[in-house]
Each structure stands twice: as structure tokens, then as C-alpha cells.
C-alpha atoms as a PDB file:
ATOM      1  CA  UNK A   1     -39.947   5.741   0.988  1.00  0.00           C
ATOM      2  CA  UNK A   2     -37.276   8.297   1.652  1.00  0.00           C
ATOM      3  CA  UNK A   3     -34.105   7.018   3.273  1.00  0.00           C
ATOM      4  CA  UNK A   4     -31.847   9.102   5.468  1.00  0.00           C
ATOM      5  CA  UNK A   5     -28.101   9.190   5.088  1.00  0.00           C
ATOM      6  CA  UNK A   6     -27.727   7.188   8.314  1.00  0.00           C
ATOM      7  CA  UNK A   7     -30.038   4.440   7.019  1.00  0.00           C
ATOM      8  CA  UNK A   8     -28.108   4.256   3.764  1.00  0.00           C
ATOM      9  CA  UNK A   9     -24.875   4.054   5.761  1.00  0.00           C
ATOM     10  CA  UNK A  10     -26.307   1.234   7.913  1.00  0.00           C
ATOM     11  CA  UNK A  11     -27.456  -0.684   4.833  1.00  0.00           C
ATOM     12  CA  UNK A  12     -24.043  -0.263   3.208  1.00  0.00           C
ATOM     13  CA  UNK A  13     -22.351  -1.624   6.340  1.00  0.00           C
ATOM     14  CA  UNK A  14     -24.756  -4.587   6.261  1.00  0.00           C
ATOM     15  CA  UNK A  15     -23.919  -5.182   2.608  1.00  0.00           C
ATOM     16  CA  UNK A  16     -20.173  -5.032   3.312  1.00  0.00           C
ATOM     17  CA  UNK A  17     -20.537  -7.364   6.285  1.00  0.00           C
ATOM     18  CA  UNK A  18     -22.440  -9.878   4.158  1.00  0.00           C
ATOM     19  CA  UNK A  19     -19.744  -9.725   1.486  1.00  0.00           C
ATOM     20  CA  UNK A  20     -17.071 -10.417   4.122  1.00  0.00           C
ATOM     21  CA  UNK A  21     -19.158 -13.254   5.566  1.00  0.00           C
ATOM     22  CA  UNK A  22     -19.603 -14.859   2.163  1.00  0.00           C
ATOM     23  CA  UNK A  23     -15.940 -14.725   1.243  1.00  0.00           C
ATOM     24  CA  UNK A  24     -14.670 -15.869   4.633  1.00  0.00           C
ATOM     25  CA  UNK A  25     -17.190 -18.702   4.846  1.00  0.00           C
ATOM     26  CA  UNK A  26     -15.741 -20.098   1.621  1.00  0.00           C
ATOM     27  CA  UNK A  27     -12.214 -19.713   2.998  1.00  0.00           C
ATOM     28  CA  UNK A  28     -13.194 -21.491   6.224  1.00  0.00           C
ATOM     29  CA  UNK A  29     -14.630 -24.405   4.245  1.00  0.00           C
ATOM     30  CA  UNK A  30     -11.398 -24.618   2.239  1.00  0.00           C
ATOM     31  CA  UNK A  31      -9.325 -24.578   5.445  1.00  0.00           C
ATOM     32  CA  UNK A  32     -11.432 -27.307   7.048  1.00  0.00           C
ATOM     33  CA  UNK A  33     -10.946 -29.507   3.979  1.00  0.00           C
ATOM     34  CA  UNK A  34      -7.226 -28.689   4.141  1.00  0.00           C
ATOM     35  CA  UNK A  35      -7.055 -29.798   7.776  1.00  0.00           C
ATOM     36  CA  UNK A  36      -8.829 -33.055   6.974  1.00  0.00           C
ATOM     37  CA  UNK A  37      -6.573 -33.791   3.963  1.00  0.00           C
ATOM     38  CA  UNK A  38      -3.406 -31.648   4.298  1.00  0.00           C
ATOM     39  CA  UNK A  39      -1.579 -33.447   1.490  1.00  0.00           C
ATOM     40  CA  UNK A  40      -3.940 -31.678  -0.942  1.00  0.00           C
ATOM     41  CA  UNK A  41      -2.619 -28.229  -0.120  1.00  0.00           C
ATOM     42  CA  UNK A  42       1.144 -28.688  -0.148  1.00  0.00           C
ATOM     43  CA  UNK A  43       2.681 -27.356  -3.325  1.00  0.00           C
ATOM     44  CA  UNK A  44       3.302 -29.744  -6.207  1.00  0.00           C
ATOM     45  CA  UNK A  45       7.065 -29.412  -5.970  1.00  0.00           C
ATOM     46  CA  UNK A  46       7.132 -30.587  -2.345  1.00  0.00           C
ATOM     47  CA  UNK A  47       4.598 -33.319  -3.047  1.00  0.00           C
ATOM     48  CA  UNK A  48       6.568 -34.757  -5.980  1.00  0.00           C
ATOM     49  CA  UNK A  49       9.850 -34.668  -4.071  1.00  0.00           C
ATOM     50  CA  UNK A  50       8.393 -36.782  -1.275  1.00  0.00           C
ATOM     51  CA  UNK A  51       6.667 -39.470  -3.344  1.00  0.00           C
ATOM     52  CA  UNK A  52       9.604 -41.853  -3.657  1.00  0.00           C
ATOM     53  CA  UNK A  53      13.207 -42.182  -2.548  1.00  0.00           C
ATOM     54  CA  UNK A  54      14.676 -41.340  -5.956  1.00  0.00           C
ATOM     55  CA  UNK A  55      12.842 -38.016  -6.184  1.00  0.00           C
ATOM     56  CA  UNK A  56      13.680 -37.227  -2.565  1.00  0.00           C
ATOM     57  CA  UNK A  57      17.365 -38.041  -3.056  1.00  0.00           C
ATOM     58  CA  UNK A  58      17.625 -35.889  -6.191  1.00  0.00           C
ATOM     59  CA  UNK A  59      15.920 -33.068  -4.345  1.00  0.00           C
ATOM     60  CA  UNK A  60      18.366 -33.365  -1.456  1.00  0.00           C
ATOM     61  CA  UNK A  61      21.339 -33.288  -3.813  1.00  0.00           C
ATOM     62  CA  UNK A  62      20.156 -30.201  -5.673  1.00  0.00           C
ATOM     63  CA  UNK A  63      18.664 -28.387  -2.680  1.00  0.00           C
ATOM     64  CA  UNK A  64      21.775 -26.590  -1.501  1.00  0.00           C
ATOM     65  CA  UNK A  65      25.477 -26.290  -2.033  1.00  0.00           C
ATOM     66  CA  UNK A  66      26.216 -28.486   0.960  1.00  0.00           C
ATOM     67  CA  UNK A  67      24.461 -31.512   2.300  1.00  0.00           C
ATOM     68  CA  UNK A  68      24.924 -33.425   5.528  1.00  0.00           C
ATOM     69  CA  UNK A  69      25.088 -37.170   5.060  1.00  0.00           C
ATOM     70  CA  UNK A  70      26.222 -39.693   7.639  1.00  0.00           C
ATOM     71  CA  UNK A  71      27.594 -36.959   9.940  1.00  0.00           C
ATOM     72  CA  UNK A  72      29.835 -35.460   7.264  1.00  0.00           C
ATOM     73  CA  UNK A  73      29.268 -32.302   5.258  1.00  0.00           C
ATOM     74  CA  UNK A  74      29.884 -32.569   1.542  1.00  0.00           C
ATOM     75  CA  UNK A  75      29.667 -30.171  -1.329  1.00  0.00           C
ATOM     76  CA  UNK A  76      27.641 -31.958  -4.025  1.00  0.00           C
ATOM     77  CA  UNK A  77      28.646 -29.566  -6.782  1.00  0.00           C
ATOM     78  CA  UNK A  78      32.326 -30.395  -6.251  1.00  0.00           C
ATOM     79  CA  UNK A  79      32.062 -33.936  -4.945  1.00  0.00           C
ATOM     80  CA  UNK A  80      28.940 -35.263  -6.629  1.00  0.00           C
ATOM     81  CA  UNK A  81      30.631 -38.510  -7.519  1.00  0.00           C
ATOM     82  CA  UNK A  82      31.805 -38.999  -3.892  1.00  0.00           C
ATOM     83  CA  UNK A  83      28.362 -38.728  -2.301  1.00  0.00           C
ATOM     84  CA  UNK A  84      27.001 -42.113  -1.415  1.00  0.00           C
ATOM     85  CA  UNK A  85      23.312 -42.637  -1.217  1.00  0.00           C
ATOM     86  CA  UNK A  86      22.173 -43.871   2.212  1.00  0.00           C
ATOM     87  CA  UNK A  87      20.576 -47.262   2.631  1.00  0.00           C
ATOM     88  CA  UNK A  88      17.000 -47.419   1.327  1.00  0.00           C
ATOM     89  CA  UNK A  89      15.560 -47.899   4.808  1.00  0.00           C
ATOM     90  CA  UNK A  90      17.386 -44.829   6.160  1.00  0.00           C
ATOM     91  CA  UNK A  91      16.502 -42.763   3.098  1.00  0.00           C
ATOM     92  CA  UNK A  92      12.859 -43.825   3.382  1.00  0.00           C
ATOM     93  CA  UNK A  93      12.816 -42.790   7.039  1.00  0.00           C
ATOM     94  CA  UNK A  94      14.391 -39.413   6.199  1.00  0.00           C
ATOM     95  CA  UNK A  95      11.867 -38.878   3.404  1.00  0.00           C
ATOM     96  CA  UNK A  96       8.892 -39.759   5.610  1.00  0.00           C
ATOM     97  CA  UNK A  97      10.155 -37.515   8.408  1.00  0.00           C
ATOM     98  CA  UNK A  98      10.630 -34.662   5.946  1.00  0.00           C
ATOM     99  CA  UNK A  99       7.162 -35.203   4.488  1.00  0.00           C
ATOM    100  CA  UNK A 100       5.647 -35.182   7.970  1.00  0.00           C
ATOM    101  CA  UNK A 101       7.420 -31.872   8.682  1.00  0.00           C
ATOM    102  CA  UNK A 102       6.011 -30.366   5.476  1.00  0.00           C
ATOM    103  CA  UNK A 103       2.497 -31.548   6.408  1.00  0.00           C
ATOM    104  CA  UNK A 104       2.793 -30.145   9.941  1.00  0.00           C
ATOM    105  CA  UNK A 105       3.986 -26.770   8.615  1.00  0.00           C
ATOM    106  CA  UNK A 106       1.018 -26.622   6.221  1.00  0.00           C
ATOM    107  CA  UNK A 107      -1.407 -27.539   9.022  1.00  0.00           C
ATOM    108  CA  UNK A 108       0.013 -24.750  11.156  1.00  0.00           C
ATOM    109  CA  UNK A 109      -0.449 -22.237   8.328  1.00  0.00           C
ATOM    110  CA  UNK A 110      -4.026 -23.420   7.801  1.00  0.00           C
ATOM    111  CA  UNK A 111      -4.827 -23.039  11.505  1.00  0.00           C
ATOM    112  CA  UNK A 112      -3.392 -19.507  11.509  1.00  0.00           C
ATOM    113  CA  UNK A 113      -5.530 -18.628   8.493  1.00  0.00           C
ATOM    114  CA  UNK A 114      -8.587 -20.231  10.061  1.00  0.00           C
ATOM    115  CA  UNK A 115      -8.193 -18.132  13.211  1.00  0.00           C
ATOM    116  CA  UNK A 116      -7.987 -14.887  11.246  1.00  0.00           C
ATOM    117  CA  UNK A 117     -10.979 -15.867   9.082  1.00  0.00           C
ATOM    118  CA  UNK A 118     -13.077 -16.678  12.143  1.00  0.00           C
ATOM    119  CA  UNK A 119     -12.177 -13.293  13.640  1.00  0.00           C
ATOM    120  CA  UNK A 120     -13.313 -11.555  10.442  1.00  0.00           C
ATOM    121  CA  UNK A 121     -16.565 -13.560  10.520  1.00  0.00           C
ATOM    122  CA  UNK A 122     -17.181 -12.603  14.158  1.00  0.00           C
ATOM    123  CA  UNK A 123     -16.567  -8.898  13.502  1.00  0.00           C
ATOM    124  CA  UNK A 124     -18.742  -9.017  10.368  1.00  0.00           C
ATOM    125  CA  UNK A 125     -21.595 -10.659  12.270  1.00  0.00           C
ATOM    126  CA  UNK A 126     -21.453  -8.079  15.049  1.00  0.00           C
ATOM    127  CA  UNK A 127     -21.417  -5.191  12.570  1.00  0.00           C
ATOM    128  CA  UNK A 128     -24.215  -6.728  10.534  1.00  0.00           C
ATOM    129  CA  UNK A 129     -26.585  -7.314  13.460  1.00  0.00           C
ATOM    130  CA  UNK A 130     -25.968  -3.918  15.053  1.00  0.00           C
ATOM    131  CA  UNK A 131     -26.616  -2.074  11.803  1.00  0.00           C
ATOM    132  CA  UNK A 132     -29.481  -4.322  10.699  1.00  0.00           C
ATOM    133  CA  UNK A 133     -31.314  -3.728  13.980  1.00  0.00           C
ATOM    134  CA  UNK A 134     -30.844  -0.007  13.447  1.00  0.00           C
ATOM    135  CA  UNK A 135     -32.413  -0.265   9.984  1.00  0.00           C
ATOM    136  CA  UNK A 136     -35.351  -2.339  11.322  1.00  0.00           C
ATOM    137  CA  UNK A 137     -35.998   0.104  14.178  1.00  0.00           C
ATOM    138  CA  UNK A 138     -36.108   3.051  11.775  1.00  0.00           C
ATOM    139  CA  UNK A 139     -39.124   1.664   9.925  1.00  0.00           C
END
């Protein structure tokens, strides 16, 4: 059972294509789960900062040197004692809007990854079947 160099090449391409298919199939499954439950994939820091108003408010205060509250820009490092916390209802709305933005950004990243993974799967399948048929026809 002597193999030619071309047959060995075709089998190696098939092996590589199967490796790509295996890896990308796992990534696609992860991305589908991420699309169904996007709150699972946001980083812990973002998740914790959006769980309640106190965490969100502390995050907003420490996030940057300046913060915009009630149409006025303040510098929390200099004027920390002058910054008044918004009403709970307004703060809750800001927190929920921010959380929704984080979720939407993560969904967009997942969809971009899913598209690239599906392209790799398509290319791998084409390469596999072309080279596998070559190997079968050589026998």
C-alpha cells in the first residue's frame, strides 16, 4: 500500500480541515449560547457594576476624571463632595440603559465572531471534500 506524495498531501489537507472544523464547531456552539444568554459573556467587572445602583454610581464616579450629571460637567477628584447622586429612578434608568448598551456591544462582537467561524467552516468543508474525493478516486 504505497502512497504517493500527492495522496499524502491530500490526506494532510483533510486532517487539517477536520481539525479546523472541530475547533470552529466548538466556537460556534459557544457563540450560539452567548447569543441566547449574552449576560454570561460580559466581563465580571461590567456585570458587577450594573447589578445595583450603588455599584453603578461608584463606577461612574471612578470611571473618569470628569462626569456629566444633570447637564453639568464636574470633576469628581476635585469636587467629590459636591457631586449629588441622581434620584434612584433616574439612576436606575441610566444603569439599565448602560447595561443594555453593554449587552448589545457583546452581541455584536459575538455575531462578528460567528460570521468568521462560519466562513472558516465553509472553507474547511470545501477543502476536505475536494481532497477526500481525490484520495477515494486514487484507490
